Amino acid sequence: TRSPGAESELAALADSVAEEFLLSEREREIMRLVGRGYTASAVAEQLVISTNTVNSHIQHIYHKLGIHKRSELISYLHRNG
């Protein structure tokens, strides 16, 4: 598990990326959870939305950031820290 400091650092990084790429609030929220290692199913359960909706948001995030997969998103978040 991550320490509280690491969690707040990841949240700050996600916020910075969200502002840079003009992500919606929901995309920002989903990006934070994905960055913490949540699967699409776990994100859906946490946010009480469908897995299809989560996957749609994830695809929008990937498109806006110019990436293609989850590992690239996680690397991007950590590289910018």
C-alpha atoms as a PDB file:
ATOM      1  CA  THR A   1       0.000   0.000   0.000  1.00  0.00           C
ATOM      2  CA  ARG A   2       0.987   3.591  -0.482  1.00  0.00           C
ATOM      3  CA  SER A   3       1.785   5.977   2.325  1.00  0.00           C
ATOM      4  CA  PRO A   4      -0.503   8.991   2.845  1.00  0.00           C
ATOM      5  CA  GLY A   5       2.282  11.209   1.476  1.00  0.00           C
ATOM      6  CA  ALA A   6       2.521   9.123  -1.686  1.00  0.00           C
ATOM      7  CA  GLU A   7      -1.273   9.251  -2.084  1.00  0.00           C
ATOM      8  CA  SER A   8      -1.345  13.043  -1.852  1.00  0.00           C
ATOM      9  CA  GLU A   9       1.648  13.292  -4.210  1.00  0.00           C
ATOM     10  CA  LEU A  10      -0.130  11.092  -6.766  1.00  0.00           C
ATOM     11  CA  ALA A  11      -3.296  13.192  -6.406  1.00  0.00           C
ATOM     12  CA  ALA A  12      -1.279  16.372  -7.020  1.00  0.00           C
ATOM     13  CA  LEU A  13       0.366  14.810 -10.090  1.00  0.00           C
ATOM     14  CA  ALA A  14      -2.999  13.679 -11.426  1.00  0.00           C
ATOM     15  CA  ASP A  15      -4.409  17.166 -10.876  1.00  0.00           C
ATOM     16  CA  SER A  16      -1.476  18.703 -12.715  1.00  0.00           C
ATOM     17  CA  VAL A  17      -1.893  16.331 -15.669  1.00  0.00           C
ATOM     18  CA  ALA A  18      -5.665  16.905 -15.651  1.00  0.00           C
ATOM     19  CA  GLU A  19      -5.194  20.663 -15.867  1.00  0.00           C
ATOM     20  CA  GLU A  20      -2.542  20.386 -18.579  1.00  0.00           C
ATOM     21  CA  PHE A  21      -4.701  18.154 -20.787  1.00  0.00           C
ATOM     22  CA  LEU A  22      -8.087  19.702 -19.904  1.00  0.00           C
ATOM     23  CA  LEU A  23      -9.554  16.522 -18.420  1.00  0.00           C
ATOM     24  CA  SER A  24     -13.061  16.607 -16.979  1.00  0.00           C
ATOM     25  CA  GLU A  25     -13.596  16.167 -13.242  1.00  0.00           C
ATOM     26  CA  ARG A  26     -14.720  12.571 -13.792  1.00  0.00           C
ATOM     27  CA  GLU A  27     -11.686  11.817 -15.969  1.00  0.00           C
ATOM     28  CA  ARG A  28      -9.450  13.307 -13.274  1.00  0.00           C
ATOM     29  CA  GLU A  29     -11.124  11.172 -10.622  1.00  0.00           C
ATOM     30  CA  ILE A  30     -10.746   8.019 -12.711  1.00  0.00           C
ATOM     31  CA  MET A  31      -7.125   8.832 -13.553  1.00  0.00           C
ATOM     32  CA  ARG A  32      -6.324   9.142  -9.831  1.00  0.00           C
ATOM     33  CA  LEU A  33      -7.830   5.725  -9.124  1.00  0.00           C
ATOM     34  CA  VAL A  34      -6.089   4.082 -12.084  1.00  0.00           C
ATOM     35  CA  GLY A  35      -2.840   5.661 -10.899  1.00  0.00           C
ATOM     36  CA  ARG A  36      -3.426   4.032  -7.521  1.00  0.00           C
ATOM     37  CA  GLY A  37      -3.702   0.644  -9.246  1.00  0.00           C
ATOM     38  CA  TYR A  38      -7.472   0.227  -9.393  1.00  0.00           C
ATOM     39  CA  THR A  39      -8.852  -1.934 -12.190  1.00  0.00           C
ATOM     40  CA  ALA A  40     -11.748  -0.675 -14.316  1.00  0.00           C
ATOM     41  CA  SER A  41     -14.084  -2.913 -12.296  1.00  0.00           C
ATOM     42  CA  ALA A  42     -12.783  -1.544  -9.001  1.00  0.00           C
ATOM     43  CA  VAL A  43     -13.122   2.048 -10.278  1.00  0.00           C
ATOM     44  CA  ALA A  44     -16.702   1.313 -11.357  1.00  0.00           C
ATOM     45  CA  GLU A  45     -17.519  -0.109  -7.946  1.00  0.00           C
ATOM     46  CA  GLN A  46     -15.871   2.814  -6.119  1.00  0.00           C
ATOM     47  CA  LEU A  47     -17.691   5.450  -8.202  1.00  0.00           C
ATOM     48  CA  VAL A  48     -20.956   3.499  -8.575  1.00  0.00           C
ATOM     49  CA  ILE A  49     -20.918   3.621 -12.375  1.00  0.00           C
ATOM     50  CA  SER A  50     -20.740   0.885 -14.998  1.00  0.00           C
ATOM     51  CA  THR A  51     -17.488  -0.678 -16.118  1.00  0.00           C
ATOM     52  CA  ASN A  52     -18.339   0.389 -19.686  1.00  0.00           C
ATOM     53  CA  THR A  53     -18.571   4.009 -18.533  1.00  0.00           C
ATOM     54  CA  VAL A  54     -15.202   3.715 -16.789  1.00  0.00           C
ATOM     55  CA  ASN A  55     -13.633   2.228 -19.914  1.00  0.00           C
ATOM     56  CA  SER A  56     -15.100   5.021 -22.018  1.00  0.00           C
ATOM     57  CA  HIS A  57     -13.584   7.641 -19.693  1.00  0.00           C
ATOM     58  CA  ILE A  58     -10.255   5.813 -19.733  1.00  0.00           C
ATOM     59  CA  GLN A  59     -10.245   5.848 -23.541  1.00  0.00           C
ATOM     60  CA  HIS A  60     -10.921   9.606 -23.490  1.00  0.00           C
ATOM     61  CA  ILE A  61      -8.009  10.090 -21.070  1.00  0.00           C
ATOM     62  CA  TYR A  62      -5.706   8.046 -23.306  1.00  0.00           C
ATOM     63  CA  HIS A  63      -6.764  10.036 -26.364  1.00  0.00           C
ATOM     64  CA  LYS A  64      -6.201  13.393 -24.658  1.00  0.00           C
ATOM     65  CA  LEU A  65      -2.768  12.340 -23.368  1.00  0.00           C
ATOM     66  CA  GLY A  66      -1.772  10.640 -26.638  1.00  0.00           C
ATOM     67  CA  ILE A  67      -1.183   7.260 -24.998  1.00  0.00           C
ATOM     68  CA  HIS A  68      -2.585   3.800 -25.644  1.00  0.00           C
ATOM     69  CA  LYS A  69      -2.528   1.694 -22.483  1.00  0.00           C
ATOM     70  CA  ARG A  70      -2.706   1.704 -18.697  1.00  0.00           C
ATOM     71  CA  SER A  71       1.023   1.168 -18.191  1.00  0.00           C
ATOM     72  CA  GLU A  72       1.745   4.301 -20.232  1.00  0.00           C
ATOM     73  CA  LEU A  73      -0.647   6.318 -18.059  1.00  0.00           C
ATOM     74  CA  ILE A  74       0.960   5.075 -14.859  1.00  0.00           C
ATOM     75  CA  SER A  75       4.454   5.718 -16.235  1.00  0.00           C
ATOM     76  CA  TYR A  76       3.402   9.190 -17.325  1.00  0.00           C
ATOM     77  CA  LEU A  77       2.062  10.033 -13.865  1.00  0.00           C
ATOM     78  CA  HIS A  78       5.204   8.803 -12.118  1.00  0.00           C
ATOM     79  CA  ARG A  79       7.627  10.302 -14.649  1.00  0.00           C
ATOM     80  CA  ASN A  80       6.133  13.741 -14.088  1.00  0.00           C
ATOM     81  CA  GLY A  81       6.563  13.554 -10.327  1.00  0.00           C
END
